[in-house]
């Protein structure tokens, strides 16, 4: 079974579970609250099917219902916490993220690749407000335009990277956003070579971040850790001279920890 990936037509594939997860993932920053009809439209389900999944998730405590609207409940965060807890690294990672914030005064996060997005599964926030949206555990951002996302994409086999580039839609979030797929692939391959990624105001004007991959003691990829800051306060050179060595040292500390 190791390495085997089921197709939706396989008899062992649990369609109901896949659909339930699809409903959860339909909620995002753009649509945090939706009606039944909106959830059905976004997931491509009929109303009756979407209703059953929403009511089941509501009964389990993962969804809240307010009149006609549904929204995710805080219990959903347990899914993200479970990722870290199951790998025995939750407390270690959180301490490392907090150490980074303490040493440089900036926010630090751990993200994992989830489809075409990077999902935040650990975070230490500074007092500085970086984006219009609130970044927290569970936040999903497009992998193509974030430093953590590019670090994680750089770990993929080239065939998987090419598949990602084939399907992804590159939205122009700012005038600095890379929207050419060939240019993005060159950038990701460079990240693979140099071992770190910088995203400079591509997702949000003024947001500048740097990230490195994080591995466990056995060499298994845990995710990417980053430092995010405001471009008006921290220049590009500071990212390279000060923040990159800090991230690399913390990544080494994490890899030295026993699982």
Protein backbone atom coordinates (compact mmCIF):
# COMPACT_ATOMS: atom_id res chain seq x y z
CA UNK A 1 0.00 0.00 0.00
CA UNK A 2 2.93 2.40 0.56
CA UNK A 3 2.98 5.07 -2.14
CA UNK A 4 -0.31 3.83 -3.63
CA UNK A 5 -2.82 6.57 -4.42
CA UNK A 6 -6.44 5.56 -4.91
CA UNK A 7 -8.52 6.99 -7.72
CA UNK A 8 -12.12 8.11 -7.08
CA UNK A 9 -13.33 5.07 -8.98
CA UNK A 10 -11.52 2.60 -6.71
CA UNK A 11 -13.84 0.62 -4.44
CA UNK A 12 -11.73 1.54 -1.40
CA UNK A 13 -12.14 5.26 -2.11
CA UNK A 14 -14.59 6.76 0.43
CA UNK A 15 -16.52 9.32 -1.59
CA UNK A 16 -18.44 10.64 1.41
CA UNK A 17 -15.23 11.47 3.28
CA UNK A 18 -13.77 13.21 0.23
CA UNK A 19 -16.95 15.24 -0.22
CA UNK A 20 -17.04 16.24 3.44
CA UNK A 21 -13.49 17.54 3.22
CA UNK A 22 -14.37 19.35 0.00
CA UNK A 23 -17.17 21.17 1.84
CA UNK A 24 -14.78 22.25 4.62
CA UNK A 25 -12.24 23.53 2.10
CA UNK A 26 -14.93 25.52 0.28
CA UNK A 27 -14.80 28.06 3.11
CA UNK A 28 -11.93 30.51 2.72
CA UNK A 29 -11.01 34.18 3.19
CA UNK A 30 -13.19 35.23 0.26
CA UNK A 31 -16.21 33.17 1.39
CA UNK A 32 -16.08 32.66 5.18
CA UNK A 33 -19.91 32.50 5.40
CA UNK A 34 -22.11 30.86 2.79
CA UNK A 35 -25.68 29.77 2.26
CA UNK A 36 -26.54 26.22 1.31
CA UNK A 37 -26.94 27.27 -2.31
CA UNK A 38 -23.52 28.94 -2.32
CA UNK A 39 -21.81 25.87 -0.86
CA UNK A 40 -23.54 23.66 -3.42
CA UNK A 41 -22.45 25.92 -6.27
CA UNK A 42 -18.86 26.18 -5.06
CA UNK A 43 -18.43 22.42 -4.58
CA UNK A 44 -20.44 21.38 -7.65
CA UNK A 45 -22.84 19.33 -5.50
CA UNK A 46 -26.61 19.39 -5.69
CA UNK A 47 -28.40 21.13 -2.82
CA UNK A 48 -29.57 17.92 -1.16
CA UNK A 49 -26.07 16.45 -1.05
CA UNK A 50 -24.47 19.68 0.16
CA UNK A 51 -27.17 19.98 2.85
CA UNK A 52 -26.44 16.49 4.22
CA UNK A 53 -22.73 17.21 4.53
CA UNK A 54 -23.26 20.63 6.09
CA UNK A 55 -25.70 19.28 8.66
CA UNK A 56 -23.37 16.36 9.48
CA UNK A 57 -20.42 18.74 9.95
CA UNK A 58 -22.67 20.93 12.08
CA UNK A 59 -23.61 17.95 14.25
CA UNK A 60 -19.92 17.09 14.68
CA UNK A 61 -19.05 20.65 15.66
CA UNK A 62 -16.97 21.59 12.61
CA UNK A 63 -19.56 23.98 11.15
CA UNK A 64 -21.75 26.64 12.74
CA UNK A 65 -25.20 27.59 11.41
CA UNK A 66 -26.67 31.06 11.80
CA UNK A 67 -30.06 31.38 10.15
CA UNK A 68 -29.40 30.81 6.40
CA UNK A 69 -25.63 30.96 6.71
CA UNK A 70 -22.98 28.35 7.48
CA UNK A 71 -19.42 29.02 8.64
CA UNK A 72 -16.53 26.97 9.98
CA UNK A 73 -16.35 26.47 13.75
CA UNK A 74 -13.13 26.72 15.79
CA UNK A 75 -13.06 22.91 16.08
CA UNK A 76 -11.75 22.81 12.49
CA UNK A 77 -8.41 24.05 13.87
CA UNK A 78 -8.04 20.66 15.57
CA UNK A 79 -7.38 19.20 12.12
CA UNK A 80 -4.34 21.44 11.72
CA UNK A 81 -3.15 20.79 15.25
CA UNK A 82 -3.53 17.05 14.66
CA UNK A 83 -0.96 17.26 11.86
CA UNK A 84 1.70 18.52 14.25
CA UNK A 85 0.65 16.39 17.21
CA UNK A 86 0.66 13.19 15.17
CA UNK A 87 4.25 13.88 14.20
CA UNK A 88 5.36 14.66 17.78
CA UNK A 89 6.62 18.07 16.75
CA UNK A 90 3.84 20.45 17.74
CA UNK A 91 5.39 21.90 20.89
CA UNK A 92 8.91 21.91 19.42
CA UNK A 93 7.82 23.75 16.28
CA UNK A 94 5.78 26.29 18.22
CA UNK A 95 8.72 27.03 20.49
CA UNK A 96 11.01 27.49 17.50
CA UNK A 97 8.55 29.87 15.85
CA UNK A 98 8.26 31.88 19.06
CA UNK A 99 12.05 31.96 19.38
CA UNK A 100 12.30 33.39 15.87
CA UNK A 101 9.81 36.14 16.74
CA UNK A 102 11.65 36.86 19.97
CA UNK A 103 15.02 37.15 18.22
CA UNK A 104 14.01 39.26 15.22
CA UNK A 105 10.74 40.86 16.26
CA UNK A 106 8.86 39.54 13.22
CA UNK A 107 6.10 36.99 12.67
CA UNK A 108 7.09 33.41 11.86
CA UNK A 109 5.00 30.51 10.57
CA UNK A 110 5.11 26.86 9.54
CA UNK A 111 3.15 25.97 6.41
CA UNK A 112 2.42 22.79 4.49
CA UNK A 113 1.44 22.29 0.87
CA UNK A 114 -2.27 21.54 0.57
CA UNK A 115 -3.35 21.21 -3.03
CA UNK A 116 -2.38 24.45 -4.77
CA UNK A 117 -2.26 26.38 -1.50
CA UNK A 118 0.01 26.63 1.50
CA UNK A 119 -1.85 26.09 4.77
CA UNK A 120 -0.61 27.60 8.03
CA UNK A 121 -0.29 24.91 10.71
CA UNK A 122 1.87 26.85 13.18
CA UNK A 123 2.36 30.56 13.79
CA UNK A 124 4.00 33.07 16.11
CA UNK A 125 2.71 36.60 15.54
CA UNK A 126 4.54 39.85 16.12
CA UNK A 127 2.79 43.08 17.04
CA UNK A 128 3.13 44.31 13.45
CA UNK A 129 0.06 44.01 11.19
CA UNK A 130 1.23 42.65 7.83
CA UNK A 131 -1.85 42.02 5.71
CA UNK A 132 -5.45 43.10 5.46
CA UNK A 133 -6.46 39.55 6.38
CA UNK A 134 -5.54 37.99 9.71
CA UNK A 135 -2.95 35.23 9.34
CA UNK A 136 -3.47 32.36 11.75
CA UNK A 137 -3.42 28.58 11.97
CA UNK A 138 -5.69 27.33 9.21
CA UNK A 139 -5.12 30.26 6.85
CA UNK A 140 -4.69 29.21 3.21
CA UNK A 141 -2.73 31.30 0.71
CA UNK A 142 -1.77 30.55 -2.93
CA UNK A 143 1.48 28.60 -2.94
CA UNK A 144 2.67 30.23 -6.17
CA UNK A 145 2.96 33.68 -4.62
CA UNK A 146 4.32 32.96 -1.12
CA UNK A 147 7.81 32.16 0.11
CA UNK A 148 6.65 29.06 2.00
CA UNK A 149 4.66 27.88 -0.99
CA UNK A 150 7.63 28.17 -3.33
CA UNK A 151 9.91 26.34 -0.90
CA UNK A 152 7.40 23.50 -0.76
CA UNK A 153 6.84 23.46 -4.52
CA UNK A 154 10.62 23.24 -4.93
CA UNK A 155 10.55 19.91 -3.05
CA UNK A 156 8.19 18.30 -5.59
CA UNK A 157 9.38 15.93 -8.31
CA UNK A 158 9.49 17.82 -11.59
CA UNK A 159 6.52 15.91 -13.02
CA UNK A 160 4.37 17.04 -10.08
CA UNK A 161 5.66 20.61 -10.36
CA UNK A 162 4.77 20.63 -14.06
CA UNK A 163 1.27 19.34 -13.23
CA UNK A 164 0.86 22.15 -10.70
CA UNK A 165 1.98 24.75 -13.24
CA UNK A 166 -0.37 23.31 -15.85
CA UNK A 167 -3.48 23.70 -13.69
CA UNK A 168 -2.75 26.72 -11.50
CA UNK A 169 -4.22 30.13 -12.30
CA UNK A 170 -1.73 32.91 -11.54
CA UNK A 171 -3.72 35.88 -10.30
CA UNK A 172 -2.07 39.34 -10.44
CA UNK A 173 -2.44 40.31 -6.77
CA UNK A 174 0.01 43.24 -7.09
CA UNK A 175 2.15 44.75 -9.83
CA UNK A 176 5.01 42.56 -8.59
CA UNK A 177 3.16 39.24 -8.90
CA UNK A 178 4.76 36.68 -11.21
CA UNK A 179 2.01 35.65 -13.61
CA UNK A 180 4.12 33.99 -16.32
CA UNK A 181 4.32 30.23 -15.72
CA UNK A 182 7.72 29.81 -17.34
CA UNK A 183 9.14 32.55 -15.14
CA UNK A 184 7.55 31.00 -12.05
CA UNK A 185 9.08 27.61 -12.87
CA UNK A 186 12.53 29.22 -13.24
CA UNK A 187 12.01 30.87 -9.87
CA UNK A 188 11.00 27.60 -8.18
CA UNK A 189 13.96 25.71 -9.69
CA UNK A 190 16.25 28.45 -8.37
CA UNK A 191 14.67 28.01 -4.94
CA UNK A 192 15.45 24.30 -5.16
CA UNK A 193 19.10 25.09 -5.88
CA UNK A 194 19.63 27.79 -3.26
CA UNK A 195 17.50 26.27 -0.48
CA UNK A 196 15.36 29.29 0.34
CA UNK A 197 12.69 31.51 -1.21
CA UNK A 198 11.83 35.18 -0.99
CA UNK A 199 8.43 36.58 -1.95
CA UNK A 200 8.64 40.34 -2.30
CA UNK A 201 5.23 42.05 -2.31
CA UNK A 202 3.72 39.57 -4.76
CA UNK A 203 0.66 38.66 -2.71
CA UNK A 204 0.11 41.92 -0.83
CA UNK A 205 1.76 45.32 -1.28
CA UNK A 206 4.28 45.82 1.50
CA UNK A 207 4.49 42.14 2.49
CA UNK A 208 7.97 40.67 2.19
CA UNK A 209 8.87 37.17 3.41
CA UNK A 210 11.63 34.59 3.36
CA UNK A 211 11.29 30.83 3.94
CA UNK A 212 13.35 27.64 4.19
CA UNK A 213 12.31 23.96 4.23
CA UNK A 214 11.96 22.19 7.59
CA UNK A 215 12.76 18.50 7.97
CA UNK A 216 12.47 16.10 10.89
CA UNK A 217 15.30 13.98 12.29
CA UNK A 218 14.67 11.31 9.66
CA UNK A 219 14.88 13.76 6.78
CA UNK A 220 11.13 13.83 6.16
CA UNK A 221 9.71 17.18 5.05
CA UNK A 222 7.62 18.78 7.81
CA UNK A 223 6.83 21.95 5.89
CA UNK A 224 8.39 25.37 5.42
CA UNK A 225 9.19 27.98 8.06
CA UNK A 226 9.22 31.65 7.26
CA UNK A 227 9.71 35.16 8.55
CA UNK A 228 7.27 37.73 7.20
CA UNK A 229 7.74 41.45 7.51
CA UNK A 230 6.86 44.85 6.13
CA UNK A 231 8.89 46.02 3.14
CA UNK A 232 8.86 49.58 4.46
CA UNK A 233 10.74 48.50 7.60
CA UNK A 234 12.96 45.66 6.42
CA UNK A 235 14.93 45.77 3.18
CA UNK A 236 15.84 42.86 0.95
CA UNK A 237 19.46 42.84 2.14
CA UNK A 238 18.37 42.35 5.74
CA UNK A 239 16.39 39.27 4.73
CA UNK A 240 19.53 37.71 3.29
CA UNK A 241 22.11 38.83 5.84
CA UNK A 242 20.13 38.45 9.08
CA UNK A 243 16.88 36.55 8.64
CA UNK A 244 18.09 33.77 6.35
CA UNK A 245 20.85 32.60 8.75
CA UNK A 246 18.33 32.72 11.61
CA UNK A 247 15.85 30.53 9.73
CA UNK A 248 18.57 28.11 8.66
CA UNK A 249 19.78 27.75 12.25
CA UNK A 250 16.25 27.10 13.53
CA UNK A 251 15.69 24.53 10.77
CA UNK A 252 18.87 22.77 11.87
CA UNK A 253 17.63 22.79 15.48
CA UNK A 254 14.35 21.27 14.39
CA UNK A 255 16.06 18.53 12.41
CA UNK A 256 18.25 17.71 15.41
CA UNK A 257 15.20 17.05 17.61
CA UNK A 258 14.17 13.47 18.28
CA UNK A 259 10.69 12.57 17.07
